[in-house]
Amino acid sequence: MTRLALIAGQGALPGAVAKACATAPVICALQGFAPDRLCPDLTFRLETLGTLLAQLEGLGVARLCMCGTIRRPKIDPAAIDDATRPLVPRLTQALALGDDGALRAVIEVFEDAGISVIGAHQAAPDLLPAPGVPTRARPGPDVAAQAALGDRVSADQAADDLGQSCVILGETVIAREGDAGTDAMISQLPEMSGGILYKAEKPGQDRRADLPVIGPHTADGAIAAGLSGIVISAGGVMLLERDSTIAALDAAGLFLWIRERA
């Protein structure tokens, strides 16, 4: 089997992916965005991406997975090394694109170097939960309409290259995810009684990068905000620490609906 490398960003996802791998992957961290509880084998800057590609080739890496949160770094022209200089026009063009376009451009750089890029859900397929309701609490009759509204919001967010989640109370969208992420959005909610957190992949997004995630922090935030439950798209949202996440929701009486989109 070809060796796998992880471009490991912040958050718990890189650790979960690494744990699921049969053979220890090469952990690569972008400077300033080190993963939680993982010790990087290689640290790089965007200005040294060409050198990273050469290092990965030397280690026999033929597959790569991008997982975890990374924000767009500022580029220091003086820090660009000789191996990266030929890539500058492509990187400059990529950074001028929206988030999805930038990720696709970076993926192309790796694949042109002979490294195939796979999604976190492919490296760790057990992180994608099966459709259904794994919690004791179940969604009420009004949740289907709220989830359908969430689908429409998701399409709007994809068109505007924005976040992947929103909060819906009744027929009203209370909040939409911004650059700070889902947990930050939830933490800023007013005190509520009811409502759902809706989260789904952007329609048409490249599933090899930035597939959304929920986990214990999401459950804790939903509980603290007074929500009734969480709706995620089946096959499009990964679930971290499944047992502890479900246990937290059960203890608070919230539901989790892993829903197949129409």
C-alpha atoms as a PDB file:
ATOM      1  CA  MET A   1       0.000   0.000   0.000  1.00  0.00           C
ATOM      2  CA  THR A   2       1.293   3.469  -0.893  1.00  0.00           C
ATOM      3  CA  ARG A   3       2.251   5.721   1.996  1.00  0.00           C
ATOM      4  CA  LEU A   4      -0.249   8.366   3.095  1.00  0.00           C
ATOM      5  CA  ALA A   5       0.501  11.902   4.272  1.00  0.00           C
ATOM      6  CA  LEU A   6      -1.885  14.177   6.142  1.00  0.00           C
ATOM      7  CA  ILE A   7      -1.891  17.931   5.694  1.00  0.00           C
ATOM      8  CA  ALA A   8      -3.115  18.287   9.254  1.00  0.00           C
ATOM      9  CA  GLY A   9      -4.827  21.502  10.294  1.00  0.00           C
ATOM     10  CA  GLN A  10      -6.325  22.509  13.623  1.00  0.00           C
ATOM     11  CA  GLY A  11      -9.063  20.641  15.441  1.00  0.00           C
ATOM     12  CA  ALA A  12      -9.723  17.004  16.318  1.00  0.00           C
ATOM     13  CA  LEU A  13     -10.257  15.667  12.778  1.00  0.00           C
ATOM     14  CA  PRO A  14      -6.571  15.021  11.886  1.00  0.00           C
ATOM     15  CA  GLY A  15      -6.120  12.916  15.041  1.00  0.00           C
ATOM     16  CA  ALA A  16      -9.233  10.901  14.242  1.00  0.00           C
ATOM     17  CA  VAL A  17      -8.050  10.269  10.676  1.00  0.00           C
ATOM     18  CA  ALA A  18      -4.534   9.321  11.822  1.00  0.00           C
ATOM     19  CA  LYS A  19      -5.981   6.902  14.385  1.00  0.00           C
ATOM     20  CA  ALA A  20      -8.061   5.203  11.690  1.00  0.00           C
ATOM     21  CA  CYS A  21      -5.068   4.549   9.428  1.00  0.00           C
ATOM     22  CA  ALA A  22      -3.608   1.034   9.457  1.00  0.00           C
ATOM     23  CA  THR A  23      -0.102   2.477   8.966  1.00  0.00           C
ATOM     24  CA  ALA A  24       1.050   5.677  10.635  1.00  0.00           C
ATOM     25  CA  PRO A  25       0.738   8.536   8.120  1.00  0.00           C
ATOM     26  CA  VAL A  26       3.280  11.303   7.605  1.00  0.00           C
ATOM     27  CA  ILE A  27       1.917  14.307   9.536  1.00  0.00           C
ATOM     28  CA  CYS A  28       2.522  17.637   7.758  1.00  0.00           C
ATOM     29  CA  ALA A  29       1.541  20.883   9.485  1.00  0.00           C
ATOM     30  CA  LEU A  30       1.270  24.319   7.938  1.00  0.00           C
ATOM     31  CA  GLN A  31       3.155  26.725  10.168  1.00  0.00           C
ATOM     32  CA  GLY A  32       0.751  28.415  12.580  1.00  0.00           C
ATOM     33  CA  PHE A  33      -1.961  25.748  12.221  1.00  0.00           C
ATOM     34  CA  ALA A  34      -0.621  22.770  14.173  1.00  0.00           C
ATOM     35  CA  PRO A  35      -3.070  19.894  14.760  1.00  0.00           C
ATOM     36  CA  ASP A  36      -4.411  18.991  18.183  1.00  0.00           C
ATOM     37  CA  ARG A  37      -2.533  16.199  19.981  1.00  0.00           C
ATOM     38  CA  LEU A  38      -0.447  15.223  16.946  1.00  0.00           C
ATOM     39  CA  CYS A  39       3.289  15.721  16.590  1.00  0.00           C
ATOM     40  CA  PRO A  40       4.111  16.853  13.020  1.00  0.00           C
ATOM     41  CA  ASP A  41       6.758  14.989  11.076  1.00  0.00           C
ATOM     42  CA  LEU A  42       7.120  17.938   8.696  1.00  0.00           C
ATOM     43  CA  THR A  43       6.282  21.618   9.146  1.00  0.00           C
ATOM     44  CA  PHE A  44       6.042  23.876   6.117  1.00  0.00           C
ATOM     45  CA  ARG A  45       4.934  27.256   4.885  1.00  0.00           C
ATOM     46  CA  LEU A  46       3.105  27.948   1.657  1.00  0.00           C
ATOM     47  CA  GLU A  47       6.314  29.686   0.555  1.00  0.00           C
ATOM     48  CA  THR A  48       8.117  26.301   0.872  1.00  0.00           C
ATOM     49  CA  LEU A  49       5.455  24.085  -0.728  1.00  0.00           C
ATOM     50  CA  GLY A  50       7.864  22.975  -3.458  1.00  0.00           C
ATOM     51  CA  THR A  51      10.302  21.714  -0.837  1.00  0.00           C
ATOM     52  CA  LEU A  52       7.472  19.852   0.906  1.00  0.00           C
ATOM     53  CA  LEU A  53       6.598  18.116  -2.363  1.00  0.00           C
ATOM     54  CA  ALA A  54      10.211  16.963  -2.714  1.00  0.00           C
ATOM     55  CA  GLN A  55      10.272  15.745   0.910  1.00  0.00           C
ATOM     56  CA  LEU A  56       7.071  13.749   0.413  1.00  0.00           C
ATOM     57  CA  GLU A  57       8.476  12.160  -2.735  1.00  0.00           C
ATOM     58  CA  GLY A  58      11.606  11.205  -0.812  1.00  0.00           C
ATOM     59  CA  LEU A  59       9.471   9.538   1.860  1.00  0.00           C
ATOM     60  CA  GLY A  60       7.580   7.496  -0.725  1.00  0.00           C
ATOM     61  CA  VAL A  61       4.289   9.320  -0.231  1.00  0.00           C
ATOM     62  CA  ALA A  62       1.847   8.735  -3.083  1.00  0.00           C
ATOM     63  CA  ARG A  63      -1.442   9.664  -1.369  1.00  0.00           C
ATOM     64  CA  LEU A  64      -2.374  12.740   0.631  1.00  0.00           C
ATOM     65  CA  CYS A  65      -5.358  13.755   2.766  1.00  0.00           C
ATOM     66  CA  MET A  66      -6.139  17.353   3.720  1.00  0.00           C
ATOM     67  CA  CYS A  67      -7.987  17.515   7.040  1.00  0.00           C
ATOM     68  CA  GLY A  68      -8.482  20.028   9.820  1.00  0.00           C
ATOM     69  CA  THR A  69      -8.951  23.788   9.859  1.00  0.00           C
ATOM     70  CA  ILE A  70      -6.500  26.028   8.020  1.00  0.00           C
ATOM     71  CA  ARG A  71      -7.002  29.721   7.359  1.00  0.00           C
ATOM     72  CA  ARG A  72      -5.437  31.493   4.408  1.00  0.00           C
ATOM     73  CA  PRO A  73      -1.877  32.415   5.373  1.00  0.00           C
ATOM     74  CA  LYS A  74      -0.217  35.670   4.409  1.00  0.00           C
ATOM     75  CA  ILE A  75       2.538  35.199   1.860  1.00  0.00           C
ATOM     76  CA  ASP A  76       6.000  36.647   2.465  1.00  0.00           C
ATOM     77  CA  PRO A  77       7.652  36.961  -0.978  1.00  0.00           C
ATOM     78  CA  ALA A  78      11.085  37.014   0.659  1.00  0.00           C
ATOM     79  CA  ALA A  79      10.453  33.555   2.188  1.00  0.00           C
ATOM     80  CA  ILE A  80       9.707  31.789  -1.116  1.00  0.00           C
ATOM     81  CA  ASP A  81      12.386  29.155  -1.670  1.00  0.00           C
ATOM     82  CA  ASP A  82      13.847  28.016  -4.986  1.00  0.00           C
ATOM     83  CA  ALA A  83      11.778  24.827  -5.119  1.00  0.00           C
ATOM     84  CA  THR A  84       8.547  26.792  -4.736  1.00  0.00           C
ATOM     85  CA  ARG A  85       9.326  29.673  -7.100  1.00  0.00           C
ATOM     86  CA  PRO A  86       7.999  27.827 -10.200  1.00  0.00           C
ATOM     87  CA  LEU A  87       4.680  27.348  -8.377  1.00  0.00           C
ATOM     88  CA  VAL A  88       4.215  31.035  -7.539  1.00  0.00           C
ATOM     89  CA  PRO A  89       1.911  31.889 -10.490  1.00  0.00           C
ATOM     90  CA  ARG A  90      -0.403  28.968  -9.624  1.00  0.00           C
ATOM     91  CA  LEU A  91      -0.397  29.743  -5.913  1.00  0.00           C
ATOM     92  CA  THR A  92      -1.080  33.418  -6.555  1.00  0.00           C
ATOM     93  CA  GLN A  93      -4.016  32.506  -8.778  1.00  0.00           C
ATOM     94  CA  ALA A  94      -5.308  30.034  -6.174  1.00  0.00           C
ATOM     95  CA  LEU A  95      -5.241  32.577  -3.355  1.00  0.00           C
ATOM     96  CA  ALA A  96      -7.279  34.979  -5.488  1.00  0.00           C
ATOM     97  CA  LEU A  97     -10.103  32.439  -5.726  1.00  0.00           C
ATOM     98  CA  GLY A  98     -12.813  31.653  -3.203  1.00  0.00           C
ATOM     99  CA  ASP A  99     -12.188  28.954  -0.610  1.00  0.00           C
ATOM    100  CA  ASP A 100     -13.429  26.076  -2.771  1.00  0.00           C
ATOM    101  CA  GLY A 101     -11.532  27.269  -5.821  1.00  0.00           C
ATOM    102  CA  ALA A 102      -8.343  27.745  -3.816  1.00  0.00           C
ATOM    103  CA  LEU A 103      -8.568  24.224  -2.410  1.00  0.00           C
ATOM    104  CA  ARG A 104      -9.092  22.747  -5.874  1.00  0.00           C
ATOM    105  CA  ALA A 105      -6.048  24.635  -7.177  1.00  0.00           C
ATOM    106  CA  VAL A 106      -3.844  23.390  -4.330  1.00  0.00           C
ATOM    107  CA  ILE A 107      -5.109  19.830  -4.882  1.00  0.00           C
ATOM    108  CA  GLU A 108      -4.066  20.130  -8.527  1.00  0.00           C
ATOM    109  CA  VAL A 109      -0.545  21.143  -7.453  1.00  0.00           C
ATOM    110  CA  PHE A 110      -0.189  17.940  -5.413  1.00  0.00           C
ATOM    111  CA  GLU A 111      -1.702  15.737  -8.099  1.00  0.00           C
ATOM    112  CA  ASP A 112       0.522  17.224 -10.801  1.00  0.00           C
ATOM    113  CA  ALA A 113       3.452  16.197  -8.570  1.00  0.00           C
ATOM    114  CA  GLY A 114       2.220  12.589  -8.678  1.00  0.00           C
ATOM    115  CA  ILE A 115       0.458  12.558  -5.274  1.00  0.00           C
ATOM    116  CA  SER A 116      -3.209  11.581  -5.372  1.00  0.00           C
ATOM    117  CA  VAL A 117      -5.456  13.496  -2.973  1.00  0.00           C
ATOM    118  CA  ILE A 118      -8.197  11.673  -1.076  1.00  0.00           C
ATOM    119  CA  GLY A 119     -10.856  12.947   1.323  1.00  0.00           C
ATOM    120  CA  ALA A 120     -10.825  12.426   5.088  1.00  0.00           C
ATOM    121  CA  HIS A 121     -13.947  10.302   4.687  1.00  0.00           C
ATOM    122  CA  GLN A 122     -12.002   8.015   2.351  1.00  0.00           C
ATOM    123  CA  ALA A 123      -9.039   7.707   4.707  1.00  0.00           C
ATOM    124  CA  ALA A 124     -11.369   7.091   7.668  1.00  0.00           C
ATOM    125  CA  PRO A 125     -14.735   5.885   6.277  1.00  0.00           C
ATOM    126  CA  ASP A 126     -16.135   5.049   9.728  1.00  0.00           C
ATOM    127  CA  LEU A 127     -16.314   8.797  10.428  1.00  0.00           C
ATOM    128  CA  LEU A 128     -19.307   9.027   8.071  1.00  0.00           C
ATOM    129  CA  PRO A 129     -22.333   7.843  10.070  1.00  0.00           C
ATOM    130  CA  ALA A 130     -25.175   5.859   8.544  1.00  0.00           C
ATOM    131  CA  PRO A 131     -28.513   7.611   7.921  1.00  0.00           C
ATOM    132  CA  GLY A 132     -30.986   7.555  10.761  1.00  0.00           C
ATOM    133  CA  VAL A 133     -31.554   8.833  14.298  1.00  0.00           C
ATOM    134  CA  PRO A 134     -28.980   7.347  16.698  1.00  0.00           C
ATOM    135  CA  THR A 135     -30.226   9.320  19.726  1.00  0.00           C
ATOM    136  CA  ARG A 136     -33.067   8.423  22.067  1.00  0.00           C
ATOM    137  CA  ALA A 137     -34.821  11.712  21.270  1.00  0.00           C
ATOM    138  CA  ARG A 138     -36.358  11.932  17.829  1.00  0.00           C
ATOM    139  CA  PRO A 139     -37.123  14.937  15.614  1.00  0.00           C
ATOM    140  CA  GLY A 140     -40.638  16.320  15.825  1.00  0.00           C
ATOM    141  CA  PRO A 141     -43.020  16.751  12.880  1.00  0.00           C
ATOM    142  CA  ASP A 142     -41.847  20.316  12.170  1.00  0.00           C
ATOM    143  CA  VAL A 143     -38.180  19.392  11.736  1.00  0.00           C
ATOM    144  CA  ALA A 144     -38.561  18.078   8.177  1.00  0.00           C
ATOM    145  CA  ALA A 145     -39.678  21.528   6.999  1.00  0.00           C
ATOM    146  CA  GLN A 146     -36.832  23.164   8.910  1.00  0.00           C
ATOM    147  CA  ALA A 147     -34.344  20.782   7.308  1.00  0.00           C
ATOM    148  CA  ALA A 148     -35.739  21.616   3.868  1.00  0.00           C
ATOM    149  CA  LEU A 149     -35.176  25.296   4.674  1.00  0.00           C
ATOM    150  CA  GLY A 150     -31.634  24.348   5.685  1.00  0.00           C
ATOM    151  CA  ASP A 151     -31.144  22.789   2.230  1.00  0.00           C
ATOM    152  CA  ARG A 152     -32.051  26.108   0.614  1.00  0.00           C
ATOM    153  CA  VAL A 153     -29.713  28.016   2.927  1.00  0.00           C
ATOM    154  CA  SER A 154     -26.953  25.526   2.103  1.00  0.00           C
ATOM    155  CA  ALA A 155     -27.408  26.190  -1.615  1.00  0.00           C
ATOM    156  CA  ASP A 156     -27.192  29.945  -0.992  1.00  0.00           C
ATOM    157  CA  GLN A 157     -24.058  29.509   1.109  1.00  0.00           C
ATOM    158  CA  ALA A 158     -22.443  27.427  -1.618  1.00  0.00           C
ATOM    159  CA  ALA A 159     -23.202  30.105  -4.214  1.00  0.00           C
ATOM    160  CA  ASP A 160     -21.598  32.739  -1.971  1.00  0.00           C
ATOM    161  CA  ASP A 161     -18.694  30.437  -0.912  1.00  0.00           C
ATOM    162  CA  LEU A 162     -19.665  30.779   2.750  1.00  0.00           C
ATOM    163  CA  GLY A 163     -20.089  28.351   5.657  1.00  0.00           C
ATOM    164  CA  GLN A 164     -21.747  24.952   5.912  1.00  0.00           C
ATOM    165  CA  SER A 165     -24.202  25.355   8.781  1.00  0.00           C
ATOM    166  CA  CYS A 166     -27.062  27.470  10.069  1.00  0.00           C
ATOM    167  CA  VAL A 167     -29.484  27.630  12.980  1.00  0.00           C
ATOM    168  CA  ILE A 168     -33.231  27.562  12.324  1.00  0.00           C
ATOM    169  CA  LEU A 169     -36.038  28.331  14.770  1.00  0.00           C
ATOM    170  CA  GLY A 170     -39.522  27.751  13.434  1.00  0.00           C
ATOM    171  CA  GLU A 171     -39.514  29.169   9.918  1.00  0.00           C
ATOM    172  CA  THR A 172     -36.700  31.633  10.607  1.00  0.00           C
ATOM    173  CA  VAL A 173     -32.970  31.338   9.972  1.00  0.00           C
ATOM    174  CA  ILE A 174     -31.458  32.699  13.192  1.00  0.00           C
ATOM    175  CA  ALA A 175     -27.776  32.442  12.264  1.00  0.00           C
ATOM    176  CA  ARG A 176     -25.517  31.420   9.400  1.00  0.00           C
ATOM    177  CA  GLU A 177     -21.979  30.131   9.734  1.00  0.00           C
ATOM    178  CA  GLY A 178     -19.205  32.576   8.841  1.00  0.00           C
ATOM    179  CA  ASP A 179     -15.434  32.286   8.620  1.00  0.00           C
ATOM    180  CA  ALA A 180     -15.125  31.577  12.357  1.00  0.00           C
ATOM    181  CA  GLY A 181     -16.902  28.214  12.006  1.00  0.00           C
ATOM    182  CA  THR A 182     -19.880  26.361  13.446  1.00  0.00           C
ATOM    183  CA  ASP A 183     -18.871  26.343  17.112  1.00  0.00           C
ATOM    184  CA  ALA A 184     -18.285  30.113  17.066  1.00  0.00           C
ATOM    185  CA  MET A 185     -21.682  30.676  15.447  1.00  0.00           C
ATOM    186  CA  ILE A 186     -23.414  28.594  18.121  1.00  0.00           C
ATOM    187  CA  SER A 187     -21.574  30.340  20.957  1.00  0.00           C
ATOM    188  CA  GLN A 188     -22.945  33.705  19.798  1.00  0.00           C
ATOM    189  CA  LEU A 189     -26.601  32.646  19.698  1.00  0.00           C
ATOM    190  CA  PRO A 190     -29.112  34.383  21.959  1.00  0.00           C
ATOM    191  CA  GLU A 191     -30.771  32.239  24.617  1.00  0.00           C
ATOM    192  CA  MET A 192     -33.192  29.966  22.786  1.00  0.00           C
ATOM    193  CA  SER A 193     -35.780  27.306  23.470  1.00  0.00           C
ATOM    194  CA  GLY A 194     -35.996  24.944  20.545  1.00  0.00           C
ATOM    195  CA  GLY A 195     -34.638  25.200  17.033  1.00  0.00           C
ATOM    196  CA  ILE A 196     -32.114  23.096  15.152  1.00  0.00           C
ATOM    197  CA  LEU A 197     -28.531  23.226  14.053  1.00  0.00           C
ATOM    198  CA  TYR A 198     -28.417  22.253  10.368  1.00  0.00           C
ATOM    199  CA  LYS A 199     -25.087  21.241   8.820  1.00  0.00           C
ATOM    200  CA  ALA A 200     -24.287  19.873   5.375  1.00  0.00           C
ATOM    201  CA  GLU A 201     -21.577  19.872   2.758  1.00  0.00           C
ATOM    202  CA  LYS A 202     -21.851  22.626   0.170  1.00  0.00           C
ATOM    203  CA  PRO A 203     -23.678  21.369  -2.933  1.00  0.00           C
ATOM    204  CA  GLY A 204     -21.083  20.702  -5.618  1.00  0.00           C
ATOM    205  CA  GLN A 205     -18.051  21.119  -3.357  1.00  0.00           C
ATOM    206  CA  ASP A 206     -14.904  19.036  -3.843  1.00  0.00           C
ATOM    207  CA  ARG A 207     -15.362  16.358  -1.176  1.00  0.00           C
ATOM    208  CA  ARG A 208     -11.620  15.781  -0.897  1.00  0.00           C
ATOM    209  CA  ALA A 209     -11.237  18.870   1.287  1.00  0.00           C
ATOM    210  CA  ASP A 210     -13.298  20.760   3.846  1.00  0.00           C
ATOM    211  CA  LEU A 211     -15.998  18.132   4.342  1.00  0.00           C
ATOM    212  CA  PRO A 212     -17.865  19.339   7.454  1.00  0.00           C
ATOM    213  CA  VAL A 213     -17.571  17.761  10.896  1.00  0.00           C
ATOM    214  CA  ILE A 214     -19.518  17.669  14.160  1.00  0.00           C
ATOM    215  CA  GLY A 215     -18.416  16.244  17.485  1.00  0.00           C
ATOM    216  CA  PRO A 216     -18.621  16.699  21.262  1.00  0.00           C
ATOM    217  CA  HIS A 217     -17.952  20.452  21.076  1.00  0.00           C
ATOM    218  CA  THR A 218     -20.869  20.820  18.659  1.00  0.00           C
ATOM    219  CA  ALA A 219     -23.146  18.831  20.944  1.00  0.00           C
ATOM    220  CA  ASP A 220     -22.099  20.895  23.970  1.00  0.00           C
ATOM    221  CA  GLY A 221     -22.750  24.119  22.081  1.00  0.00           C
ATOM    222  CA  ALA A 222     -26.170  22.990  20.894  1.00  0.00           C
ATOM    223  CA  ILE A 223     -27.104  21.997  24.454  1.00  0.00           C
ATOM    224  CA  ALA A 224     -25.882  25.286  25.920  1.00  0.00           C
ATOM    225  CA  ALA A 225     -27.797  27.257  23.283  1.00  0.00           C
ATOM    226  CA  GLY A 226     -31.096  25.543  24.132  1.00  0.00           C
ATOM    227  CA  LEU A 227     -31.535  23.861  20.746  1.00  0.00           C
ATOM    228  CA  SER A 228     -33.782  20.833  20.283  1.00  0.00           C
ATOM    229  CA  GLY A 229     -31.432  18.916  18.028  1.00  0.00           C
ATOM    230  CA  ILE A 230     -28.986  18.655  15.163  1.00  0.00           C
ATOM    231  CA  VAL A 231     -29.639  17.730  11.536  1.00  0.00           C
ATOM    232  CA  ILE A 232     -26.692  16.687   9.345  1.00  0.00           C
ATOM    233  CA  SER A 233     -26.558  15.364   5.802  1.00  0.00           C
ATOM    234  CA  ALA A 234     -25.934  11.651   5.418  1.00  0.00           C
ATOM    235  CA  GLY A 235     -22.710  11.010   3.529  1.00  0.00           C
ATOM    236  CA  GLY A 236     -21.721  14.660   3.794  1.00  0.00           C
ATOM    237  CA  VAL A 237     -20.875  15.356   7.448  1.00  0.00           C
ATOM    238  CA  MET A 238     -18.366  13.418   9.552  1.00  0.00           C
ATOM    239  CA  LEU A 239     -19.080  12.556  13.187  1.00  0.00           C
ATOM    240  CA  LEU A 240     -16.138  12.637  15.614  1.00  0.00           C
ATOM    241  CA  GLU A 241     -16.139  10.737  18.910  1.00  0.00           C
ATOM    242  CA  ARG A 242     -19.497   9.231  18.067  1.00  0.00           C
ATOM    243  CA  ASP A 243     -20.165   7.546  21.420  1.00  0.00           C
ATOM    244  CA  SER A 244     -19.439  10.601  23.575  1.00  0.00           C
ATOM    245  CA  THR A 245     -21.313  12.909  21.199  1.00  0.00           C
ATOM    246  CA  ILE A 246     -24.439  10.722  21.244  1.00  0.00           C
ATOM    247  CA  ALA A 247     -24.162  10.271  25.016  1.00  0.00           C
ATOM    248  CA  ALA A 248     -24.058  14.041  25.558  1.00  0.00           C
ATOM    249  CA  LEU A 249     -27.097  14.587  23.343  1.00  0.00           C
ATOM    250  CA  ASP A 250     -29.001  11.756  25.045  1.00  0.00           C
ATOM    251  CA  ALA A 251     -28.266  13.142  28.495  1.00  0.00           C
ATOM    252  CA  ALA A 252     -29.677  16.529  27.478  1.00  0.00           C
ATOM    253  CA  GLY A 253     -32.637  15.167  25.497  1.00  0.00           C
ATOM    254  CA  LEU A 254     -31.514  16.442  22.086  1.00  0.00           C
ATOM    255  CA  PHE A 255     -31.854  14.501  18.842  1.00  0.00           C
ATOM    256  CA  LEU A 256     -29.385  13.883  16.043  1.00  0.00           C
ATOM    257  CA  TRP A 257     -30.937  13.221  12.626  1.00  0.00           C
ATOM    258  CA  ILE A 258     -28.527  11.968   9.961  1.00  0.00           C
ATOM    259  CA  ARG A 259     -30.692  12.846   7.009  1.00  0.00           C
ATOM    260  CA  GLU A 260     -30.546  11.869   3.367  1.00  0.00           C
ATOM    261  CA  ARG A 261     -31.123  14.870   1.157  1.00  0.00           C
ATOM    262  CA  ALA A 262     -34.033  14.661  -1.251  1.00  0.00           C
END
